Amino acid sequence: SNEPLAVTLHRENVVHTYYQKLEGRDHAQQEWLLATWADSWRKYGWHPVVIGPELAKQHPYYQQLLKAYTDLPSVNGKDYELACYIRHVAMVQSGGGLLVDYDVINVGFTPDMLPETNGKYPAILADKNPCPCGVYGTAEEYDALCFFMGTQGKEAIVIEGGRPHTSDQHFVQHFAAHF
């Protein structure tokens, strides 16, 4: 056969995390955490892939989404908050799949445990108080989420410490019924 000798990766066994260097973070510590994250996911049958802003910038509406997210208030550092939104844009460009924060260490979650999505938005893998530290969906579902956050983000603004704030986490909590 002329087939290349390579492991076929199925979307179901690829786990993504988003990483970009942010000011004020210890990059050596972040690199250690990324390696620890990858090792923990490999143990349970996953192929870990680190994605970043370069991938998100390939989205045809990247600039418009970036502007919409930049206009949302946050009590967190702007670069950090934007990275939290932009990771979902990068997932559109990656073709969809599982996205987890790189501080989510796997202690037993296997590819056969992935949930069904609702066909409109990605599934948020959290109980009770939804947090987008684990998200699973198709590229189309991530795309719908990106535009939903960009157009409806102002609906999820809360007052935190006397200042207006929202984030992708507040967004999925506010609109939990959609996920």
Protein backbone atom coordinates (compact mmCIF):
# COMPACT_ATOMS: atom_id res chain seq x y z
CA SER A 1 0.00 0.00 0.00
CA ASN A 2 1.13 3.55 -0.67
CA GLU A 3 -0.45 4.78 2.55
CA PRO A 4 1.98 6.69 4.76
CA LEU A 5 2.86 5.01 8.02
CA ALA A 6 1.14 7.34 10.46
CA VAL A 7 -1.37 7.12 13.24
CA THR A 8 -4.78 8.16 12.02
CA LEU A 9 -6.19 10.75 14.37
CA HIS A 10 -9.92 10.87 14.77
CA ARG A 11 -11.47 14.06 16.06
CA GLU A 12 -12.83 11.96 18.90
CA ASN A 13 -9.37 11.26 20.34
CA VAL A 14 -7.77 14.68 19.88
CA VAL A 15 -7.79 17.09 22.81
CA HIS A 16 -6.87 20.73 22.24
CA THR A 17 -5.71 23.40 24.58
CA TYR A 18 -5.13 27.03 23.77
CA TYR A 19 -1.92 28.75 24.78
CA GLN A 20 -0.40 32.12 24.17
CA LYS A 21 2.31 33.90 26.10
CA LEU A 22 0.77 36.56 28.30
CA GLU A 23 2.58 39.38 30.03
CA GLY A 24 3.15 38.79 33.73
CA ARG A 25 3.07 34.98 33.51
CA ASP A 26 6.06 32.77 34.25
CA HIS A 27 6.56 31.15 30.83
CA ALA A 28 8.77 28.34 32.16
CA GLN A 29 6.04 27.43 34.63
CA GLN A 30 3.41 27.59 31.88
CA GLU A 31 5.53 25.30 29.66
CA TRP A 32 5.84 22.82 32.54
CA LEU A 33 2.08 22.91 33.04
CA LEU A 34 1.49 22.33 29.30
CA ALA A 35 3.77 19.27 29.37
CA THR A 36 2.03 17.93 32.50
CA TRP A 37 -1.35 18.54 30.86
CA ALA A 38 -0.31 16.67 27.69
CA ASP A 39 1.06 13.69 29.65
CA SER A 40 -2.15 13.39 31.68
CA TRP A 41 -4.33 13.31 28.56
CA ARG A 42 -2.06 10.87 26.67
CA LYS A 43 -2.50 8.36 29.53
CA TYR A 44 -6.21 8.08 28.74
CA GLY A 45 -6.06 7.63 24.97
CA TRP A 46 -5.98 11.25 23.81
CA HIS A 47 -3.69 12.98 21.35
CA PRO A 48 -2.96 16.41 22.90
CA VAL A 49 -2.61 19.39 20.55
CA VAL A 50 -1.68 22.92 21.59
CA ILE A 51 -3.26 25.65 19.46
CA GLY A 52 -2.73 29.39 19.63
CA PRO A 53 -3.59 32.81 18.25
CA GLU A 54 -1.98 32.13 14.85
CA LEU A 55 -4.73 29.60 14.13
CA ALA A 56 -7.51 31.94 15.28
CA LYS A 57 -6.22 34.70 12.99
CA GLN A 58 -7.06 32.48 9.99
CA HIS A 59 -10.80 32.80 10.73
CA PRO A 60 -12.40 34.96 8.01
CA TYR A 61 -14.10 37.16 10.64
CA TYR A 62 -11.24 37.25 13.13
CA GLN A 63 -10.93 41.06 13.16
CA GLN A 64 -14.66 41.59 13.65
CA LEU A 65 -14.82 39.02 16.46
CA LEU A 66 -11.71 40.47 18.10
CA LYS A 67 -13.29 43.94 18.07
CA ALA A 68 -16.56 42.62 19.53
CA TYR A 69 -14.70 40.83 22.33
CA THR A 70 -12.40 43.81 22.96
CA ASP A 71 -15.48 45.99 23.52
CA LEU A 72 -16.69 43.76 26.37
CA PRO A 73 -15.75 44.92 29.88
CA SER A 74 -13.61 42.80 32.18
CA VAL A 75 -12.06 43.07 35.62
CA ASN A 76 -9.29 40.76 34.35
CA GLY A 77 -6.34 41.77 32.21
CA LYS A 78 -7.49 42.47 28.65
CA ASP A 79 -4.97 40.08 27.03
CA TYR A 80 -6.07 37.23 29.30
CA GLU A 81 -9.76 37.85 28.69
CA LEU A 82 -9.30 38.10 24.92
CA ALA A 83 -7.37 34.81 24.90
CA CYS A 84 -10.35 33.17 26.63
CA TYR A 85 -12.65 34.27 23.81
CA ILE A 86 -10.19 33.76 20.95
CA ARG A 87 -9.53 30.12 21.89
CA HIS A 88 -13.02 29.30 20.61
CA VAL A 89 -12.23 31.05 17.31
CA ALA A 90 -9.10 28.89 17.02
CA MET A 91 -11.27 25.81 17.53
CA VAL A 92 -13.35 26.76 14.48
CA GLN A 93 -10.15 26.78 12.45
CA SER A 94 -8.96 23.48 13.97
CA GLY A 95 -12.11 21.76 12.72
CA GLY A 96 -13.77 21.47 16.12
CA GLY A 97 -13.33 18.84 18.78
CA LEU A 98 -12.50 18.88 22.46
CA LEU A 99 -10.97 22.02 24.01
CA VAL A 100 -9.81 22.06 27.62
CA ASP A 101 -7.80 24.53 29.67
CA TYR A 102 -4.20 23.44 30.10
CA ASP A 103 -4.66 23.33 33.85
CA VAL A 104 -7.36 20.65 33.44
CA ILE A 105 -5.42 17.52 34.31
CA ASN A 106 -7.03 14.29 33.13
CA VAL A 107 -7.58 11.67 35.83
CA GLY A 108 -9.74 9.24 33.87
CA PHE A 109 -11.73 10.92 31.07
CA THR A 110 -11.51 8.75 27.94
CA PRO A 111 -12.58 9.52 24.35
CA ASP A 112 -15.65 7.27 24.63
CA MET A 113 -16.97 9.54 27.40
CA LEU A 114 -17.51 12.54 25.08
CA PRO A 115 -21.10 13.81 25.23
CA GLU A 116 -23.49 14.54 22.40
CA THR A 117 -23.89 18.19 21.51
CA ASN A 118 -27.21 19.88 20.84
CA GLY A 119 -26.27 20.51 17.21
CA LYS A 120 -26.32 24.28 17.66
CA TYR A 121 -23.58 25.12 20.19
CA PRO A 122 -20.73 23.09 21.65
CA ALA A 123 -21.33 21.11 24.83
CA ILE A 124 -19.89 22.63 28.00
CA LEU A 125 -18.38 19.78 30.03
CA ALA A 126 -19.25 20.90 33.54
CA ASP A 127 -21.92 20.16 36.08
CA LYS A 128 -24.29 22.71 37.60
CA ASN A 129 -22.19 25.89 37.21
CA PRO A 130 -21.05 25.76 33.57
CA CYS A 131 -17.44 26.71 32.95
CA PRO A 132 -15.85 26.63 29.49
CA CYS A 133 -12.74 24.86 30.82
CA GLY A 134 -14.00 21.83 28.86
CA VAL A 135 -15.88 22.34 25.60
CA TYR A 136 -16.75 19.85 22.84
CA GLY A 137 -18.31 20.52 19.46
CA THR A 138 -18.05 20.72 15.71
CA ALA A 139 -16.39 23.63 13.91
CA GLU A 140 -19.88 24.91 13.05
CA GLU A 141 -20.98 24.79 16.69
CA TYR A 142 -17.84 26.67 17.80
CA ASP A 143 -18.45 29.22 15.04
CA ALA A 144 -22.02 29.73 16.25
CA LEU A 145 -20.70 30.19 19.81
CA CYS A 146 -18.12 32.75 18.65
CA PHE A 147 -20.74 34.87 16.91
CA PHE A 148 -23.21 34.38 19.79
CA MET A 149 -20.60 35.71 22.26
CA GLY A 150 -19.68 38.54 19.91
CA THR A 151 -23.24 39.72 19.36
CA GLN A 152 -24.83 38.88 22.72
CA GLY A 153 -21.89 39.28 25.10
CA LYS A 154 -23.22 42.52 26.55
CA GLU A 155 -26.24 40.55 27.85
CA ALA A 156 -23.94 38.65 30.24
CA ILE A 157 -22.35 41.70 31.90
CA VAL A 158 -22.37 41.59 35.70
CA ILE A 159 -20.97 43.98 38.30
CA GLU A 160 -17.93 42.51 40.00
CA GLY A 161 -16.07 44.53 42.62
CA GLY A 162 -18.07 47.58 41.58
CA ARG A 163 -16.98 47.28 37.92
CA PRO A 164 -18.75 45.90 34.85
CA HIS A 165 -17.40 42.50 33.84
CA THR A 166 -18.08 39.60 31.55
CA SER A 167 -16.09 36.68 30.20
CA ASP A 168 -16.69 33.54 28.20
CA GLN A 169 -17.44 31.86 31.54
CA HIS A 170 -20.04 34.44 32.57
CA PHE A 171 -21.46 34.15 29.07
CA VAL A 172 -22.03 30.37 29.24
CA GLN A 173 -23.41 30.71 32.76
CA HIS A 174 -25.84 33.45 31.69
CA PHE A 175 -26.96 31.50 28.63
CA ALA A 176 -26.68 28.01 30.23
CA ALA A 177 -30.02 26.90 28.78
CA HIS A 178 -28.50 27.12 25.27
CA PHE A 179 -25.77 24.63 26.03
